[in-house]
Amino acid sequence: MTELVTVDRLDWAEFAEHYWDKRPVLVRGVRPMPFVAEEVFAAAVRAQEYDGQPTAQFTVERTQQGERQELLPAAADGSFDQYEQRLAERLGERGYALIVSGFHAFDRALWSREKEFFGGLWAQVGLPLTGAITTMFHGNYDHSPVGVHKDRFATFMFGLRERKRMRFWAERPWDEPVSSVVDYARFVPSSFAVEVEPGDLLYWPSSYYHVGENCGRRPATSVNIGVPRDEHKVEYELEDLLADLDPRTLVNSGARLELLAGEIAAPARVEAPGQVLTAQLPEALEEALRNCREQSLGERVKDVSHRRWAAGGFEPVPD
């Protein structure tokens, strides 16, 4: 029995009552549509040009590409059609997946419509404690590179180009102690699936295991908005209070850690003989604690709170 509900209009009050954190729902032909394919492509290009730090992952078949620069969208492509043609000449029949994270920060018009669209949801359920994430998925892959998995985000998927299938399980379909499964054919009978067409909006709660599948060999494009619901950590709040993060750090944990630890001179690692920690904090943690005490966090809290409300759930705000 399918657990999916299909509706022909989006009413945020009805959505919050019947679907939010409860069950998937498909909205056919959602209006207004906050994403336009041409703007999404342009924002994805600018994301790759940002300070030489691409925010993209590129996978061919099941192999993530380390040397991926020539495979990423470029201004010279001009559009998804031209980009797909260039990749077809390079990759042939091989399936590929392009994932671009945090690209809303590179197009103000796109960000503004996204913020306005989700304002109705925040009025019903509240602004996310930490910002929602914006991710583009593009490719002709058989299924998502990570396989069947569960996120800590409730997800809103907007179909942009071609059809895409999402397959769901209300509970984890395997017993092994693993977080994802790439070869999932044996679990298909216990799943249910929905095909998303351009202009559709599909929502699913964070509790659902899922995998994305293409409906044909033509590359499909979608934009996913992830709203954090599970596994919230205090460190996410501390990062906001202690440092100004830029789009790079949304997907680069090393850069984020370097920024947060910039004023700490003591070594970050210490020896613990016999696996027993001493009663005294390591010097690096003492320095971090002193830095926190010396900061005027009262003003910082006001500043961060103001920026969060102004961002409407989508940080960082484009220039």
Protein backbone atom coordinates (compact mmCIF):
# COMPACT_ATOMS: atom_id res chain seq x y z
CA MET A 1 0.00 0.00 0.00
CA THR A 2 1.46 3.37 -1.03
CA GLU A 3 2.10 5.92 1.69
CA LEU A 4 2.11 8.80 -0.79
CA VAL A 5 -0.60 11.45 -1.09
CA THR A 6 -0.93 13.50 -4.30
CA VAL A 7 -2.51 16.97 -4.29
CA ASP A 8 -2.91 19.67 -6.93
CA ARG A 9 -2.29 22.73 -4.75
CA LEU A 10 -0.05 23.70 -1.85
CA ASP A 11 -1.62 25.12 1.29
CA TRP A 12 0.97 25.52 4.05
CA ALA A 13 -1.55 25.31 6.91
CA GLU A 14 -2.94 22.06 5.52
CA PHE A 15 0.57 20.81 4.83
CA ALA A 16 1.72 21.50 8.40
CA GLU A 17 -1.31 19.69 9.85
CA HIS A 18 -1.34 16.59 7.67
CA TYR A 19 2.15 16.02 6.24
CA TRP A 20 4.94 17.85 8.08
CA ASP A 21 7.08 15.22 9.85
CA LYS A 22 4.36 12.65 9.08
CA ARG A 23 4.28 11.37 5.49
CA PRO A 24 5.36 12.17 1.93
CA VAL A 25 3.18 14.29 -0.32
CA LEU A 26 3.46 15.17 -4.02
CA VAL A 27 2.20 18.55 -5.23
CA ARG A 28 1.57 18.49 -8.98
CA GLY A 29 2.41 21.69 -10.85
CA VAL A 30 3.28 23.78 -7.79
CA ARG A 31 2.78 27.53 -8.17
CA PRO A 32 4.63 29.77 -7.86
CA MET A 33 7.73 27.77 -8.77
CA PRO A 34 10.72 29.34 -6.96
CA PHE A 35 13.36 27.83 -9.27
CA VAL A 36 14.04 28.49 -12.95
CA ALA A 37 16.39 26.14 -14.80
CA GLU A 38 18.40 28.95 -16.40
CA GLU A 39 19.03 30.65 -13.05
CA VAL A 40 19.85 27.36 -11.35
CA PHE A 41 22.46 26.61 -14.02
CA ALA A 42 24.00 30.09 -13.75
CA ALA A 43 24.16 29.84 -9.95
CA ALA A 44 25.79 26.41 -10.19
CA VAL A 45 28.43 27.88 -12.51
CA ARG A 46 29.15 30.78 -10.15
CA ALA A 47 29.43 28.35 -7.24
CA GLN A 48 32.28 26.59 -9.03
CA GLU A 49 34.05 29.88 -9.73
CA TYR A 50 33.90 31.01 -6.11
CA ASP A 51 37.45 31.60 -4.89
CA GLY A 52 38.64 28.47 -6.68
CA GLN A 53 36.74 26.26 -4.19
CA PRO A 54 34.09 24.18 -6.01
CA THR A 55 31.07 23.20 -3.95
CA ALA A 56 30.33 20.23 -6.21
CA GLN A 57 30.69 16.47 -6.24
CA PHE A 58 30.86 14.61 -9.54
CA THR A 59 30.43 10.85 -9.89
CA VAL A 60 30.85 8.71 -13.01
CA GLU A 61 29.06 5.40 -12.61
CA ARG A 62 29.94 4.72 -8.93
CA THR A 63 33.31 6.47 -8.82
CA GLN A 64 33.63 9.98 -7.39
CA GLN A 65 35.95 12.04 -9.56
CA GLY A 66 38.89 13.71 -7.81
CA GLU A 67 39.97 15.62 -10.92
CA ARG A 68 36.52 16.96 -11.69
CA GLN A 69 37.03 20.55 -12.85
CA GLU A 70 36.56 19.79 -16.56
CA LEU A 71 33.37 17.88 -15.75
CA LEU A 72 31.68 20.73 -13.88
CA PRO A 73 29.32 23.28 -15.47
CA ALA A 74 31.13 26.30 -16.91
CA ALA A 75 30.05 29.72 -18.14
CA ALA A 76 31.06 28.72 -21.68
CA ASP A 77 28.37 26.01 -21.65
CA GLY A 78 25.63 28.61 -21.33
CA SER A 79 22.85 26.16 -20.49
CA PHE A 80 22.05 22.67 -19.26
CA ASP A 81 21.56 21.53 -22.88
CA GLN A 82 25.05 22.57 -23.93
CA TYR A 83 26.56 21.21 -20.74
CA GLU A 84 24.90 17.84 -21.32
CA GLN A 85 26.17 17.76 -24.90
CA ARG A 86 29.74 18.42 -23.73
CA LEU A 87 29.54 15.65 -21.13
CA ALA A 88 28.02 13.21 -23.64
CA GLU A 89 31.00 13.77 -25.94
CA ARG A 90 33.38 13.15 -23.05
CA LEU A 91 31.65 10.35 -21.12
CA GLY A 92 29.72 8.55 -23.85
CA GLU A 93 27.04 6.24 -22.44
CA ARG A 94 28.41 6.24 -18.91
CA GLY A 95 26.04 7.50 -16.23
CA TYR A 96 27.04 10.52 -14.17
CA ALA A 97 25.80 12.51 -11.19
CA LEU A 98 26.51 16.17 -10.42
CA ILE A 99 25.65 17.47 -6.95
CA VAL A 100 26.10 21.18 -6.19
CA SER A 101 25.58 22.32 -2.59
CA GLY A 102 24.74 25.74 -1.19
CA PHE A 103 24.28 27.35 -4.60
CA HIS A 104 21.45 29.67 -3.46
CA ALA A 105 24.22 31.92 -2.11
CA PHE A 106 25.25 32.80 -5.68
CA ASP A 107 22.03 34.23 -7.11
CA ARG A 108 20.06 36.86 -5.23
CA ALA A 109 16.89 36.61 -7.33
CA LEU A 110 16.81 32.83 -6.84
CA TRP A 111 17.45 33.20 -3.10
CA SER A 112 14.75 35.87 -2.79
CA ARG A 113 12.07 33.68 -4.41
CA GLU A 114 13.17 30.67 -2.36
CA LYS A 115 12.92 32.71 0.84
CA GLU A 116 9.47 34.03 -0.09
CA PHE A 117 8.20 30.57 -1.05
CA PHE A 118 9.18 28.96 2.25
CA GLY A 119 8.06 31.91 4.36
CA GLY A 120 4.61 30.34 4.46
CA LEU A 121 6.04 27.13 5.92
CA TRP A 122 8.07 28.95 8.58
CA ALA A 123 4.91 30.80 9.63
CA GLN A 124 3.37 27.40 10.42
CA VAL A 125 6.27 25.38 11.87
CA GLY A 126 8.88 28.00 12.83
CA LEU A 127 12.21 29.03 11.33
CA PRO A 128 14.83 26.24 11.34
CA LEU A 129 17.33 26.46 14.20
CA THR A 130 20.08 26.20 11.62
CA GLY A 131 19.58 27.18 8.01
CA ALA A 132 18.00 24.99 5.38
CA ILE A 133 20.29 23.69 2.64
CA THR A 134 19.86 24.09 -1.12
CA THR A 135 21.28 21.34 -3.34
CA MET A 136 21.09 20.71 -7.08
CA PHE A 137 21.07 17.16 -8.44
CA HIS A 138 21.75 16.65 -12.15
CA GLY A 139 22.62 13.59 -14.19
CA ASN A 140 21.61 10.42 -15.98
CA TYR A 141 22.66 8.06 -13.18
CA ASP A 142 20.70 4.87 -12.54
CA HIS A 143 20.36 5.81 -8.87
CA SER A 144 21.80 8.22 -6.30
CA PRO A 145 25.53 7.49 -5.83
CA VAL A 146 25.10 6.97 -2.08
CA GLY A 147 22.32 4.40 -2.58
CA VAL A 148 19.43 3.94 -0.14
CA HIS A 149 19.95 6.17 2.89
CA LYS A 150 18.27 8.40 5.47
CA ASP A 151 19.06 12.09 6.04
CA ARG A 152 18.69 14.31 9.07
CA PHE A 153 16.74 16.69 6.82
CA ALA A 154 13.11 16.84 5.80
CA THR A 155 13.32 17.29 2.03
CA PHE A 156 11.43 19.33 -0.55
CA MET A 157 12.36 18.23 -4.07
CA PHE A 158 11.50 20.48 -7.02
CA GLY A 159 11.52 18.83 -10.45
CA LEU A 160 13.18 21.09 -13.04
CA ARG A 161 14.08 19.04 -16.13
CA GLU A 162 12.98 15.56 -17.20
CA ARG A 163 11.32 13.02 -14.90
CA LYS A 164 12.93 11.56 -11.81
CA ARG A 165 11.80 8.72 -9.56
CA MET A 166 12.13 8.69 -5.80
CA ARG A 167 11.85 5.35 -4.01
CA PHE A 168 10.95 5.19 -0.30
CA TRP A 169 10.90 2.93 2.73
CA ALA A 170 9.12 4.05 5.90
CA GLU A 171 11.64 2.03 7.94
CA ARG A 172 15.18 0.79 7.38
CA PRO A 173 14.85 -2.22 5.06
CA TRP A 174 18.05 -3.98 6.17
CA ASP A 175 19.41 -5.36 9.44
CA GLU A 176 23.14 -4.86 8.83
CA PRO A 177 24.88 -2.09 10.85
CA VAL A 178 25.42 0.18 7.83
CA SER A 179 24.01 3.63 7.06
CA SER A 180 23.41 3.13 3.32
CA VAL A 181 23.09 0.35 0.74
CA VAL A 182 24.06 0.79 -2.92
CA ASP A 183 22.86 -2.59 -4.22
CA TYR A 184 19.25 -2.49 -3.07
CA ALA A 185 17.36 -4.63 -5.59
CA ARG A 186 16.30 -7.10 -2.88
CA PHE A 187 14.56 -4.28 -0.99
CA VAL A 188 12.53 -2.92 -3.90
CA PRO A 189 9.42 -5.08 -3.22
CA SER A 190 8.97 -3.42 0.19
CA SER A 191 9.31 0.11 -1.21
CA PHE A 192 6.95 2.55 -2.88
CA ALA A 193 7.97 4.99 -5.62
CA VAL A 194 6.81 8.26 -7.14
CA GLU A 195 7.79 9.94 -10.40
CA VAL A 196 8.40 13.68 -10.20
CA GLU A 197 7.94 15.74 -13.34
CA PRO A 198 9.16 19.28 -14.10
CA GLY A 199 7.08 21.71 -12.04
CA ASP A 200 6.22 19.17 -9.33
CA LEU A 201 7.15 19.41 -5.66
CA LEU A 202 7.74 16.27 -3.59
CA TYR A 203 8.11 16.36 0.20
CA TRP A 204 9.27 13.56 2.49
CA PRO A 205 10.05 13.54 6.23
CA SER A 206 13.55 12.91 7.54
CA SER A 207 12.49 9.51 8.90
CA TYR A 208 12.11 7.95 5.43
CA TYR A 209 14.86 5.93 3.77
CA HIS A 210 15.08 6.84 0.10
CA VAL A 211 17.02 6.73 -3.16
CA GLY A 212 16.73 8.76 -6.36
CA GLU A 213 16.43 7.03 -9.74
CA ASN A 214 16.34 8.34 -13.30
CA CYS A 215 13.33 7.43 -15.43
CA GLY A 216 15.36 7.28 -18.66
CA ARG A 217 18.80 7.98 -20.13
CA ARG A 218 18.28 11.72 -20.53
CA PRO A 219 19.82 13.72 -17.65
CA ALA A 220 17.29 14.95 -15.10
CA THR A 221 17.63 18.01 -12.88
CA SER A 222 16.08 18.73 -9.50
CA VAL A 223 16.63 21.14 -6.61
CA ASN A 224 16.34 19.79 -3.07
CA ILE A 225 15.71 21.93 0.01
CA GLY A 226 16.75 20.18 3.21
CA VAL A 227 15.30 21.39 6.51
CA PRO A 228 17.21 20.02 9.54
CA ARG A 229 14.98 17.88 11.77
CA ASP A 230 17.14 15.18 13.41
CA GLU A 231 20.53 14.84 15.09
CA HIS A 232 20.88 18.52 15.87
CA LYS A 233 24.20 19.30 17.55
CA VAL A 234 25.11 22.23 19.80
CA GLU A 235 28.26 22.73 17.72
CA TYR A 236 26.11 23.97 14.83
CA GLU A 237 24.89 26.85 17.01
CA LEU A 238 28.38 27.55 18.35
CA GLU A 239 29.75 27.81 14.82
CA ASP A 240 27.28 30.60 14.11
CA LEU A 241 28.18 32.45 17.28
CA LEU A 242 31.95 32.12 16.99
CA ALA A 243 32.62 32.62 13.30
CA ASP A 244 31.19 34.09 10.12
CA LEU A 245 30.81 31.20 7.69
CA ASP A 246 30.91 31.60 3.93
CA PRO A 247 29.49 29.28 1.23
CA ARG A 248 32.76 27.30 1.05
CA THR A 249 32.48 26.11 4.62
CA LEU A 250 29.00 24.67 4.11
CA VAL A 251 30.54 21.66 2.37
CA ASN A 252 34.18 21.87 3.51
CA SER A 253 34.49 20.79 7.13
CA GLY A 254 38.26 21.31 7.02
CA ALA A 255 37.89 24.97 6.11
CA ARG A 256 35.22 25.39 8.79
CA LEU A 257 37.46 23.86 11.46
CA GLU A 258 40.41 26.00 10.37
CA LEU A 259 38.30 29.15 10.67
CA LEU A 260 37.02 28.26 14.14
CA ALA A 261 40.48 27.26 15.42
CA GLY A 262 42.35 30.17 13.85
CA GLU A 263 43.40 31.83 17.14
CA ILE A 264 44.32 28.64 19.02
CA ALA A 265 48.08 28.06 19.12
CA ALA A 266 48.20 24.92 21.27
CA PRO A 267 48.25 21.51 19.54
CA ALA A 268 44.79 20.12 18.84
CA ARG A 269 45.84 16.55 19.67
CA VAL A 270 47.30 15.30 22.95
CA GLU A 271 48.53 11.93 24.14
CA ALA A 272 46.35 10.00 26.59
CA PRO A 273 48.55 7.29 28.17
CA GLY A 274 46.58 4.14 28.77
CA GLN A 275 43.52 5.69 27.12
CA VAL A 276 42.88 7.65 30.35
CA LEU A 277 42.18 11.38 30.14
CA THR A 278 43.68 13.69 32.74
CA ALA A 279 41.49 15.79 35.04
CA GLN A 280 42.84 19.00 33.47
CA LEU A 281 41.61 20.27 30.13
CA PRO A 282 44.18 20.17 27.29
CA GLU A 283 45.69 23.57 26.56
CA ALA A 284 43.89 23.88 23.22
CA LEU A 285 40.52 23.57 24.97
CA GLU A 286 41.61 26.02 27.68
CA GLU A 287 42.48 28.53 24.95
CA ALA A 288 39.15 27.98 23.23
CA LEU A 289 37.33 28.49 26.54
CA ARG A 290 39.24 31.72 27.23
CA ASN A 291 38.44 32.98 23.74
CA CYS A 292 34.73 32.36 24.33
CA ARG A 293 34.78 34.17 27.68
CA GLU A 294 36.57 37.17 26.19
CA GLN A 295 34.04 37.63 23.41
CA SER A 296 30.98 39.81 23.81
CA LEU A 297 28.53 37.06 22.97
CA GLY A 298 25.53 39.17 23.95
CA GLU A 299 25.97 41.46 20.96
CA ARG A 300 26.96 38.52 18.82
CA VAL A 301 23.72 36.69 19.66
CA LYS A 302 21.72 39.78 18.63
CA ASP A 303 23.66 40.07 15.37
CA VAL A 304 23.35 36.38 14.47
CA SER A 305 19.64 36.35 15.37
CA HIS A 306 18.98 39.40 13.21
CA ARG A 307 20.84 37.89 10.27
CA ARG A 308 19.03 34.58 10.64
CA TRP A 309 15.62 36.23 10.51
CA ALA A 310 16.69 38.44 7.61
CA ALA A 311 17.96 35.38 5.71
CA GLY A 312 14.57 33.71 6.02
CA GLY A 313 16.07 30.30 6.70
CA PHE A 314 18.59 30.38 3.83
CA GLU A 315 22.11 31.37 4.77
CA PRO A 316 24.47 32.70 3.64
CA VAL A 317 22.64 35.56 1.93
CA PRO A 318 23.97 36.37 -1.58
CA ASP A 319 25.96 39.58 -2.04
